[in-house]
C-alpha atoms as a PDB file:
ATOM      1  CA  UNK A   1     -87.276  96.089  78.108  1.00  0.00           C
ATOM      2  CA  UNK A   2     -86.375  95.817  74.435  1.00  0.00           C
ATOM      3  CA  UNK A   3     -88.362  94.383  71.549  1.00  0.00           C
ATOM      4  CA  UNK A   4     -87.850  94.221  67.819  1.00  0.00           C
ATOM      5  CA  UNK A   5     -91.253  95.592  66.782  1.00  0.00           C
ATOM      6  CA  UNK A   6     -94.362  97.209  68.317  1.00  0.00           C
ATOM      7  CA  UNK A   7     -97.596  97.571  66.331  1.00  0.00           C
ATOM      8  CA  UNK A   8     -98.827 101.150  65.883  1.00  0.00           C
ATOM      9  CA  UNK A   9    -102.256 100.278  67.301  1.00  0.00           C
ATOM     10  CA  UNK A  10    -100.712  98.615  70.353  1.00  0.00           C
ATOM     11  CA  UNK A  11    -100.876 100.187  73.811  1.00  0.00           C
ATOM     12  CA  UNK A  12     -97.156  99.622  74.043  1.00  0.00           C
ATOM     13  CA  UNK A  13     -96.597 102.067  71.170  1.00  0.00           C
ATOM     14  CA  UNK A  14     -97.198 104.990  73.579  1.00  0.00           C
ATOM     15  CA  UNK A  15     -96.145 103.186  76.736  1.00  0.00           C
ATOM     16  CA  UNK A  16     -93.169 105.436  77.539  1.00  0.00           C
ATOM     17  CA  UNK A  17     -95.327 108.585  77.551  1.00  0.00           C
ATOM     18  CA  UNK A  18     -97.816 107.148  80.077  1.00  0.00           C
ATOM     19  CA  UNK A  19     -97.704 107.938  83.777  1.00  0.00           C
ATOM     20  CA  UNK A  20     -97.153 105.116  86.272  1.00  0.00           C
ATOM     21  CA  UNK A  21    -100.870 105.156  87.172  1.00  0.00           C
ATOM     22  CA  UNK A  22    -101.876 104.915  83.501  1.00  0.00           C
ATOM     23  CA  UNK A  23     -99.461 102.042  82.952  1.00  0.00           C
ATOM     24  CA  UNK A  24    -101.031 100.230  85.887  1.00  0.00           C
ATOM     25  CA  UNK A  25    -104.484 100.747  84.389  1.00  0.00           C
ATOM     26  CA  UNK A  26    -103.295  99.295  81.084  1.00  0.00           C
ATOM     27  CA  UNK A  27    -102.030  96.187  82.852  1.00  0.00           C
ATOM     28  CA  UNK A  28    -105.373  95.855  84.653  1.00  0.00           C
ATOM     29  CA  UNK A  29    -107.140  96.131  81.274  1.00  0.00           C
ATOM     30  CA  UNK A  30    -104.998  93.312  79.937  1.00  0.00           C
ATOM     31  CA  UNK A  31    -105.896  91.272  83.013  1.00  0.00           C
ATOM     32  CA  UNK A  32    -109.626  91.763  82.426  1.00  0.00           C
ATOM     33  CA  UNK A  33    -109.540  91.118  78.657  1.00  0.00           C
ATOM     34  CA  UNK A  34    -107.044  88.202  78.683  1.00  0.00           C
ATOM     35  CA  UNK A  35    -108.094  86.525  81.923  1.00  0.00           C
ATOM     36  CA  UNK A  36    -108.251  83.075  80.340  1.00  0.00           C
ATOM     37  CA  UNK A  37    -105.145  83.299  78.185  1.00  0.00           C
ATOM     38  CA  UNK A  38    -101.724  81.794  78.712  1.00  0.00           C
ATOM     39  CA  UNK A  39    -100.423  85.088  80.125  1.00  0.00           C
ATOM     40  CA  UNK A  40    -103.056  85.169  82.897  1.00  0.00           C
ATOM     41  CA  UNK A  41    -100.872  83.378  85.507  1.00  0.00           C
ATOM     42  CA  UNK A  42     -98.089  85.886  84.938  1.00  0.00           C
ATOM     43  CA  UNK A  43    -100.393  88.894  85.297  1.00  0.00           C
ATOM     44  CA  UNK A  44    -101.690  87.473  88.587  1.00  0.00           C
ATOM     45  CA  UNK A  45     -98.132  87.542  89.935  1.00  0.00           C
ATOM     46  CA  UNK A  46     -97.940  91.277  89.208  1.00  0.00           C
ATOM     47  CA  UNK A  47    -100.792  91.929  91.617  1.00  0.00           C
ATOM     48  CA  UNK A  48     -99.770  89.436  94.280  1.00  0.00           C
ATOM     49  CA  UNK A  49     -99.067  91.864  97.101  1.00  0.00           C
ATOM     50  CA  UNK A  50     -98.708  89.066  99.646  1.00  0.00           C
ATOM     51  CA  UNK A  51     -95.067  88.536  98.692  1.00  0.00           C
ATOM     52  CA  UNK A  52     -93.703  91.572 100.525  1.00  0.00           C
ATOM     53  CA  UNK A  53     -94.149  94.394  98.019  1.00  0.00           C
ATOM     54  CA  UNK A  54     -97.005  96.894  97.711  1.00  0.00           C
ATOM     55  CA  UNK A  55     -98.878  98.694  94.957  1.00  0.00           C
ATOM     56  CA  UNK A  56     -96.671 101.706  95.673  1.00  0.00           C
ATOM     57  CA  UNK A  57     -93.616  99.547  94.887  1.00  0.00           C
ATOM     58  CA  UNK A  58     -95.261  98.436  91.652  1.00  0.00           C
ATOM     59  CA  UNK A  59     -95.975 102.056  90.657  1.00  0.00           C
ATOM     60  CA  UNK A  60     -92.347 102.943  91.361  1.00  0.00           C
ATOM     61  CA  UNK A  61     -91.222 100.158  89.024  1.00  0.00           C
ATOM     62  CA  UNK A  62     -93.702 101.154  86.311  1.00  0.00           C
ATOM     63  CA  UNK A  63     -92.550 104.758  86.485  1.00  0.00           C
ATOM     64  CA  UNK A  64     -89.051 103.601  85.477  1.00  0.00           C
ATOM     65  CA  UNK A  65     -90.134 100.811  83.140  1.00  0.00           C
ATOM     66  CA  UNK A  66     -89.448 101.852  79.541  1.00  0.00           C
ATOM     67  CA  UNK A  67     -89.766 100.004  76.255  1.00  0.00           C
ATOM     68  CA  UNK A  68     -87.238 100.372  73.471  1.00  0.00           C
ATOM     69  CA  UNK A  69     -88.795  99.284  70.182  1.00  0.00           C
ATOM     70  CA  UNK A  70     -87.278  98.472  66.787  1.00  0.00           C
ATOM     71  CA  UNK A  71     -84.159  97.029  68.411  1.00  0.00           C
ATOM     72  CA  UNK A  72     -81.906  95.207  66.002  1.00  0.00           C
ATOM     73  CA  UNK A  73     -81.690  91.438  66.474  1.00  0.00           C
ATOM     74  CA  UNK A  74     -78.523  89.747  67.708  1.00  0.00           C
ATOM     75  CA  UNK A  75     -77.547  88.352  64.300  1.00  0.00           C
ATOM     76  CA  UNK A  76     -77.804  91.848  62.822  1.00  0.00           C
ATOM     77  CA  UNK A  77     -75.517  93.267  65.497  1.00  0.00           C
ATOM     78  CA  UNK A  78     -73.074  90.400  64.991  1.00  0.00           C
ATOM     79  CA  UNK A  79     -72.907  91.178  61.256  1.00  0.00           C
ATOM     80  CA  UNK A  80     -71.950  94.790  61.999  1.00  0.00           C
ATOM     81  CA  UNK A  81     -69.456  93.910  64.723  1.00  0.00           C
ATOM     82  CA  UNK A  82     -67.606  91.560  62.351  1.00  0.00           C
ATOM     83  CA  UNK A  83     -66.554  94.585  60.300  1.00  0.00           C
ATOM     84  CA  UNK A  84     -64.926  96.469  63.198  1.00  0.00           C
ATOM     85  CA  UNK A  85     -61.140  96.772  63.229  1.00  0.00           C
ATOM     86  CA  UNK A  86     -61.125  95.416  66.801  1.00  0.00           C
ATOM     87  CA  UNK A  87     -61.548  91.948  65.302  1.00  0.00           C
ATOM     88  CA  UNK A  88     -59.100  92.321  62.409  1.00  0.00           C
ATOM     89  CA  UNK A  89     -56.732  89.788  63.968  1.00  0.00           C
ATOM     90  CA  UNK A  90     -59.427  87.093  63.738  1.00  0.00           C
ATOM     91  CA  UNK A  91     -59.723  85.455  60.281  1.00  0.00           C
ATOM     92  CA  UNK A  92     -63.010  86.520  58.667  1.00  0.00           C
ATOM     93  CA  UNK A  93     -64.280  82.931  58.538  1.00  0.00           C
ATOM     94  CA  UNK A  94     -63.940  82.670  62.348  1.00  0.00           C
ATOM     95  CA  UNK A  95     -65.218  86.078  63.448  1.00  0.00           C
ATOM     96  CA  UNK A  96     -68.881  85.228  63.811  1.00  0.00           C
ATOM     97  CA  UNK A  97     -68.165  82.209  66.024  1.00  0.00           C
ATOM     98  CA  UNK A  98     -65.760  84.299  68.101  1.00  0.00           C
ATOM     99  CA  UNK A  99     -68.394  86.994  68.637  1.00  0.00           C
ATOM    100  CA  UNK A 100     -70.900  84.366  69.765  1.00  0.00           C
ATOM    101  CA  UNK A 101     -68.221  83.125  72.155  1.00  0.00           C
ATOM    102  CA  UNK A 102     -68.001  86.624  73.647  1.00  0.00           C
ATOM    103  CA  UNK A 103     -71.800  86.817  73.822  1.00  0.00           C
ATOM    104  CA  UNK A 104     -71.900  83.527  75.729  1.00  0.00           C
ATOM    105  CA  UNK A 105     -69.440  84.975  78.265  1.00  0.00           C
ATOM    106  CA  UNK A 106     -71.678  88.027  78.782  1.00  0.00           C
ATOM    107  CA  UNK A 107     -74.831  85.930  79.186  1.00  0.00           C
ATOM    108  CA  UNK A 108     -73.047  83.654  81.660  1.00  0.00           C
ATOM    109  CA  UNK A 109     -72.302  86.659  83.888  1.00  0.00           C
ATOM    110  CA  UNK A 110     -75.989  87.524  83.988  1.00  0.00           C
ATOM    111  CA  UNK A 111     -76.939  83.967  84.885  1.00  0.00           C
ATOM    112  CA  UNK A 112     -74.282  83.790  87.611  1.00  0.00           C
ATOM    113  CA  UNK A 113     -75.348  87.079  89.182  1.00  0.00           C
ATOM    114  CA  UNK A 114     -78.861  88.002  87.960  1.00  0.00           C
ATOM    115  CA  UNK A 115     -79.379  90.798  90.519  1.00  0.00           C
ATOM    116  CA  UNK A 116     -76.303  92.754  89.466  1.00  0.00           C
ATOM    117  CA  UNK A 117     -75.595  92.130  85.775  1.00  0.00           C
ATOM    118  CA  UNK A 118     -72.335  94.006  85.432  1.00  0.00           C
ATOM    119  CA  UNK A 119     -69.363  93.000  83.281  1.00  0.00           C
ATOM    120  CA  UNK A 120     -65.984  93.900  84.695  1.00  0.00           C
ATOM    121  CA  UNK A 121     -63.966  95.283  81.793  1.00  0.00           C
ATOM    122  CA  UNK A 122     -60.817  93.487  82.996  1.00  0.00           C
ATOM    123  CA  UNK A 123     -62.653  90.152  83.078  1.00  0.00           C
ATOM    124  CA  UNK A 124     -63.992  90.788  79.594  1.00  0.00           C
ATOM    125  CA  UNK A 125     -60.579  91.724  78.206  1.00  0.00           C
ATOM    126  CA  UNK A 126     -58.990  88.657  79.792  1.00  0.00           C
ATOM    127  CA  UNK A 127     -61.667  86.452  78.255  1.00  0.00           C
ATOM    128  CA  UNK A 128     -61.188  88.188  74.900  1.00  0.00           C
ATOM    129  CA  UNK A 129     -57.439  87.554  74.936  1.00  0.00           C
ATOM    130  CA  UNK A 130     -57.713  83.988  76.210  1.00  0.00           C
ATOM    131  CA  UNK A 131     -60.360  82.904  73.700  1.00  0.00           C
ATOM    132  CA  UNK A 132     -59.155  84.847  70.652  1.00  0.00           C
ATOM    133  CA  UNK A 133     -56.039  82.667  70.351  1.00  0.00           C
ATOM    134  CA  UNK A 134     -58.270  79.693  69.554  1.00  0.00           C
ATOM    135  CA  UNK A 135     -59.833  81.522  66.601  1.00  0.00           C
ATOM    136  CA  UNK A 136     -56.661  82.875  65.062  1.00  0.00           C
ATOM    137  CA  UNK A 137     -55.442  79.529  63.734  1.00  0.00           C
ATOM    138  CA  UNK A 138     -57.109  77.391  61.062  1.00  0.00           C
ATOM    139  CA  UNK A 139     -59.461  75.582  63.436  1.00  0.00           C
ATOM    140  CA  UNK A 140     -62.171  77.003  65.698  1.00  0.00           C
ATOM    141  CA  UNK A 141     -63.440  75.830  69.073  1.00  0.00           C
ATOM    142  CA  UNK A 142     -66.796  74.122  69.276  1.00  0.00           C
ATOM    143  CA  UNK A 143     -69.419  76.760  70.235  1.00  0.00           C
ATOM    144  CA  UNK A 144     -69.928  77.043  73.984  1.00  0.00           C
ATOM    145  CA  UNK A 145     -73.577  76.256  74.710  1.00  0.00           C
ATOM    146  CA  UNK A 146     -74.226  76.383  78.445  1.00  0.00           C
ATOM    147  CA  UNK A 147     -76.565  73.879  80.055  1.00  0.00           C
ATOM    148  CA  UNK A 148     -78.345  76.723  81.826  1.00  0.00           C
ATOM    149  CA  UNK A 149     -79.510  78.365  78.574  1.00  0.00           C
ATOM    150  CA  UNK A 150     -81.138  75.238  77.157  1.00  0.00           C
ATOM    151  CA  UNK A 151     -84.390  73.825  78.494  1.00  0.00           C
ATOM    152  CA  UNK A 152     -84.564  70.121  79.302  1.00  0.00           C
ATOM    153  CA  UNK A 153     -88.335  69.960  78.784  1.00  0.00           C
ATOM    154  CA  UNK A 154     -89.291  66.702  77.093  1.00  0.00           C
ATOM    155  CA  UNK A 155     -91.259  67.042  73.855  1.00  0.00           C
ATOM    156  CA  UNK A 156     -93.009  63.691  73.569  1.00  0.00           C
ATOM    157  CA  UNK A 157     -93.862  64.385  69.917  1.00  0.00           C
ATOM    158  CA  UNK A 158     -90.197  64.250  68.901  1.00  0.00           C
ATOM    159  CA  UNK A 159     -89.159  61.051  67.122  1.00  0.00           C
ATOM    160  CA  UNK A 160     -86.021  60.582  69.212  1.00  0.00           C
ATOM    161  CA  UNK A 161     -88.046  60.865  72.435  1.00  0.00           C
ATOM    162  CA  UNK A 162     -90.458  58.198  71.207  1.00  0.00           C
ATOM    163  CA  UNK A 163     -87.443  56.000  70.468  1.00  0.00           C
ATOM    164  CA  UNK A 164     -86.132  56.507  73.997  1.00  0.00           C
ATOM    165  CA  UNK A 165     -89.554  55.652  75.381  1.00  0.00           C
ATOM    166  CA  UNK A 166     -89.560  52.438  73.362  1.00  0.00           C
ATOM    167  CA  UNK A 167     -86.459  51.186  75.159  1.00  0.00           C
ATOM    168  CA  UNK A 168     -87.885  52.424  78.488  1.00  0.00           C
ATOM    169  CA  UNK A 169     -84.946  54.692  79.267  1.00  0.00           C
ATOM    170  CA  UNK A 170     -85.007  56.215  82.733  1.00  0.00           C
ATOM    171  CA  UNK A 171     -86.362  59.764  83.041  1.00  0.00           C
ATOM    172  CA  UNK A 172     -83.065  61.286  84.208  1.00  0.00           C
ATOM    173  CA  UNK A 173     -81.223  59.841  81.197  1.00  0.00           C
ATOM    174  CA  UNK A 174     -83.997  61.048  78.898  1.00  0.00           C
ATOM    175  CA  UNK A 175     -83.654  64.588  80.275  1.00  0.00           C
ATOM    176  CA  UNK A 176     -79.907  64.353  79.709  1.00  0.00           C
ATOM    177  CA  UNK A 177     -80.599  63.322  76.105  1.00  0.00           C
ATOM    178  CA  UNK A 178     -82.901  66.344  75.638  1.00  0.00           C
ATOM    179  CA  UNK A 179     -80.248  68.674  77.028  1.00  0.00           C
ATOM    180  CA  UNK A 180     -77.603  67.272  74.670  1.00  0.00           C
ATOM    181  CA  UNK A 181     -80.015  67.411  71.720  1.00  0.00           C
ATOM    182  CA  UNK A 182     -80.838  71.085  72.397  1.00  0.00           C
ATOM    183  CA  UNK A 183     -77.220  72.133  72.950  1.00  0.00           C
ATOM    184  CA  UNK A 184     -76.008  70.301  69.840  1.00  0.00           C
ATOM    185  CA  UNK A 185     -78.826  71.829  67.772  1.00  0.00           C
ATOM    186  CA  UNK A 186     -77.810  75.358  68.786  1.00  0.00           C
ATOM    187  CA  UNK A 187     -74.135  74.627  68.142  1.00  0.00           C
ATOM    188  CA  UNK A 188     -74.942  73.252  64.679  1.00  0.00           C
ATOM    189  CA  UNK A 189     -76.848  76.406  63.746  1.00  0.00           C
ATOM    190  CA  UNK A 190     -73.857  78.578  64.668  1.00  0.00           C
ATOM    191  CA  UNK A 191     -71.386  76.337  62.856  1.00  0.00           C
ATOM    192  CA  UNK A 192     -73.401  76.017  59.650  1.00  0.00           C
ATOM    193  CA  UNK A 193     -74.261  79.732  59.597  1.00  0.00           C
ATOM    194  CA  UNK A 194     -70.547  80.537  59.758  1.00  0.00           C
ATOM    195  CA  UNK A 195     -70.210  79.012  56.274  1.00  0.00           C
ATOM    196  CA  UNK A 196     -66.817  78.187  54.746  1.00  0.00           C
ATOM    197  CA  UNK A 197     -67.575  74.520  54.127  1.00  0.00           C
ATOM    198  CA  UNK A 198     -68.622  73.796  57.709  1.00  0.00           C
ATOM    199  CA  UNK A 199     -71.920  72.241  56.564  1.00  0.00           C
ATOM    200  CA  UNK A 200     -70.005  69.594  54.594  1.00  0.00           C
ATOM    201  CA  UNK A 201     -67.705  68.941  57.565  1.00  0.00           C
ATOM    202  CA  UNK A 202     -70.737  68.398  59.818  1.00  0.00           C
ATOM    203  CA  UNK A 203     -72.362  66.088  57.267  1.00  0.00           C
ATOM    204  CA  UNK A 204     -69.177  64.009  57.110  1.00  0.00           C
ATOM    205  CA  UNK A 205     -68.954  63.916  60.889  1.00  0.00           C
ATOM    206  CA  UNK A 206     -72.570  62.815  61.323  1.00  0.00           C
ATOM    207  CA  UNK A 207     -72.018  60.093  58.720  1.00  0.00           C
ATOM    208  CA  UNK A 208     -69.046  58.790  60.711  1.00  0.00           C
ATOM    209  CA  UNK A 209     -71.054  58.835  63.952  1.00  0.00           C
ATOM    210  CA  UNK A 210     -73.919  56.995  62.267  1.00  0.00           C
ATOM    211  CA  UNK A 211     -71.529  54.280  61.064  1.00  0.00           C
ATOM    212  CA  UNK A 212     -70.365  53.751  64.647  1.00  0.00           C
ATOM    213  CA  UNK A 213     -73.961  53.545  65.907  1.00  0.00           C
ATOM    214  CA  UNK A 214     -74.843  50.920  63.295  1.00  0.00           C
ATOM    215  CA  UNK A 215     -71.786  48.812  64.159  1.00  0.00           C
ATOM    216  CA  UNK A 216     -72.451  49.016  67.901  1.00  0.00           C
ATOM    217  CA  UNK A 217     -76.112  48.073  67.471  1.00  0.00           C
ATOM    218  CA  UNK A 218     -75.211  45.175  65.181  1.00  0.00           C
ATOM    219  CA  UNK A 219     -73.046  43.679  67.954  1.00  0.00           C
ATOM    220  CA  UNK A 220     -76.214  43.196  70.027  1.00  0.00           C
ATOM    221  CA  UNK A 221     -78.572  42.097  67.252  1.00  0.00           C
ATOM    222  CA  UNK A 222     -77.689  38.397  67.245  1.00  0.00           C
ATOM    223  CA  UNK A 223     -78.368  38.088  70.981  1.00  0.00           C
ATOM    224  CA  UNK A 224     -81.696  39.860  70.558  1.00  0.00           C
ATOM    225  CA  UNK A 225     -83.056  37.826  67.643  1.00  0.00           C
ATOM    226  CA  UNK A 226     -84.642  35.074  69.759  1.00  0.00           C
ATOM    227  CA  UNK A 227     -85.168  37.136  72.901  1.00  0.00           C
ATOM    228  CA  UNK A 228     -88.392  38.274  74.529  1.00  0.00           C
ATOM    229  CA  UNK A 229     -89.418  41.924  74.260  1.00  0.00           C
ATOM    230  CA  UNK A 230     -88.282  42.710  77.829  1.00  0.00           C
ATOM    231  CA  UNK A 231     -84.810  41.299  77.163  1.00  0.00           C
ATOM    232  CA  UNK A 232     -84.533  43.149  73.830  1.00  0.00           C
ATOM    233  CA  UNK A 233     -85.317  46.433  75.556  1.00  0.00           C
ATOM    234  CA  UNK A 234     -82.672  45.674  78.158  1.00  0.00           C
ATOM    235  CA  UNK A 235     -80.114  44.986  75.405  1.00  0.00           C
ATOM    236  CA  UNK A 236     -81.208  48.183  73.637  1.00  0.00           C
ATOM    237  CA  UNK A 237     -80.573  50.232  76.787  1.00  0.00           C
ATOM    238  CA  UNK A 238     -77.148  48.630  77.187  1.00  0.00           C
ATOM    239  CA  UNK A 239     -76.331  49.416  73.564  1.00  0.00           C
ATOM    240  CA  UNK A 240     -77.580  52.992  74.042  1.00  0.00           C
ATOM    241  CA  UNK A 241     -75.361  53.565  77.074  1.00  0.00           C
ATOM    242  CA  UNK A 242     -72.325  52.152  75.282  1.00  0.00           C
ATOM    243  CA  UNK A 243     -72.991  54.519  72.382  1.00  0.00           C
ATOM    244  CA  UNK A 244     -73.020  57.444  74.815  1.00  0.00           C
ATOM    245  CA  UNK A 245     -69.538  56.423  75.982  1.00  0.00           C
ATOM    246  CA  UNK A 246     -68.037  56.210  72.486  1.00  0.00           C
ATOM    247  CA  UNK A 247     -64.710  58.011  71.991  1.00  0.00           C
ATOM    248  CA  UNK A 248     -65.169  61.485  70.540  1.00  0.00           C
ATOM    249  CA  UNK A 249     -64.725  61.611  66.766  1.00  0.00           C
ATOM    250  CA  UNK A 250     -62.797  64.469  65.185  1.00  0.00           C
ATOM    251  CA  UNK A 251     -64.604  67.160  63.190  1.00  0.00           C
ATOM    252  CA  UNK A 252     -62.835  68.820  60.281  1.00  0.00           C
ATOM    253  CA  UNK A 253     -62.158  72.484  61.055  1.00  0.00           C
ATOM    254  CA  UNK A 254     -63.044  72.106  64.765  1.00  0.00           C
ATOM    255  CA  UNK A 255     -60.258  72.181  67.318  1.00  0.00           C
ATOM    256  CA  UNK A 256     -61.819  69.717  69.760  1.00  0.00           C
ATOM    257  CA  UNK A 257     -65.098  67.820  69.998  1.00  0.00           C
ATOM    258  CA  UNK A 258     -67.250  67.663  73.140  1.00  0.00           C
ATOM    259  CA  UNK A 259     -69.447  65.007  74.762  1.00  0.00           C
ATOM    260  CA  UNK A 260     -72.610  67.109  74.520  1.00  0.00           C
ATOM    261  CA  UNK A 261     -72.098  67.615  70.782  1.00  0.00           C
ATOM    262  CA  UNK A 262     -71.506  63.968  69.913  1.00  0.00           C
ATOM    263  CA  UNK A 263     -74.302  62.673  72.117  1.00  0.00           C
ATOM    264  CA  UNK A 264     -76.644  65.377  70.872  1.00  0.00           C
ATOM    265  CA  UNK A 265     -75.867  64.519  67.251  1.00  0.00           C
ATOM    266  CA  UNK A 266     -76.763  60.894  67.966  1.00  0.00           C
ATOM    267  CA  UNK A 267     -80.221  62.042  69.043  1.00  0.00           C
ATOM    268  CA  UNK A 268     -80.445  64.277  65.958  1.00  0.00           C
ATOM    269  CA  UNK A 269     -79.711  61.293  63.713  1.00  0.00           C
ATOM    270  CA  UNK A 270     -82.449  59.310  65.445  1.00  0.00           C
ATOM    271  CA  UNK A 271     -84.835  62.260  65.165  1.00  0.00           C
ATOM    272  CA  UNK A 272     -84.195  62.345  61.400  1.00  0.00           C
ATOM    273  CA  UNK A 273     -85.097  58.653  61.137  1.00  0.00           C
ATOM    274  CA  UNK A 274     -81.564  57.548  60.257  1.00  0.00           C
ATOM    275  CA  UNK A 275     -81.159  55.308  63.308  1.00  0.00           C
ATOM    276  CA  UNK A 276     -83.283  53.493  65.891  1.00  0.00           C
ATOM    277  CA  UNK A 277     -82.379  52.757  69.484  1.00  0.00           C
ATOM    278  CA  UNK A 278     -84.678  49.741  69.794  1.00  0.00           C
ATOM    279  CA  UNK A 279     -83.154  46.407  68.750  1.00  0.00           C
ATOM    280  CA  UNK A 280     -85.962  44.511  67.075  1.00  0.00           C
ATOM    281  CA  UNK A 281     -86.535  40.765  67.089  1.00  0.00           C
ATOM    282  CA  UNK A 282     -86.130  38.561  64.038  1.00  0.00           C
ATOM    283  CA  UNK A 283     -89.853  38.691  63.225  1.00  0.00           C
ATOM    284  CA  UNK A 284     -89.923  42.522  63.430  1.00  0.00           C
ATOM    285  CA  UNK A 285     -86.933  43.351  61.208  1.00  0.00           C
END
């Protein structure tokens, strides 16, 4: 296990020098002192010997379980890798995004085969060659954000979720919206962090998307003015679904847009209070 920092007064500071039996005692101490905490359910699993493994198996694992502290964070490693001659063929403005592309490939292998996380060097080299050609020219691909690395847990405190609740959107579509929101958010962070005017390009893109949302919503407003609340919610859902099917708008500096990014940015605009999904009646405007 790796971690960025371990306190000097923490048990983990001397963890690697402990015997397997001592490590087990430390875990038991944590169980007794943090029995009511959020980690309690996870500690219980450690001692659940009804699942086919024994305390001897646990001791064998603990004997090999080491902690590497003060490990540099991913963004720090990326900054160093950008300077290597291996990436000289990639324009400097595109290197960080390319390295995150490679990282996504590595993570995907672990997700696909979690019991044997090995990267075949030939597969890696093929991916390197195939993807690098996209980063050599003036435009870069949209960051690859896998569905499997983003949680679709619904945060009911988010503004855009409250908006979706107002129009009584079905749960499955709401989870899809959360997934798109999370993936687009991660992609935006990578794009903006890469610099080179990308923040302005994203701002222009979001402005264009917002214009389309306003126009689409306006096409339903007249029908909703004298309608009952139930009918207005139905019209709002229809408008929402049509917005999700809008043609993908181009992004300056990006080779090709993606459905998840456009749909996720719609939710981001709603979350920022720049748009509402609910079509209000004449007396509510």
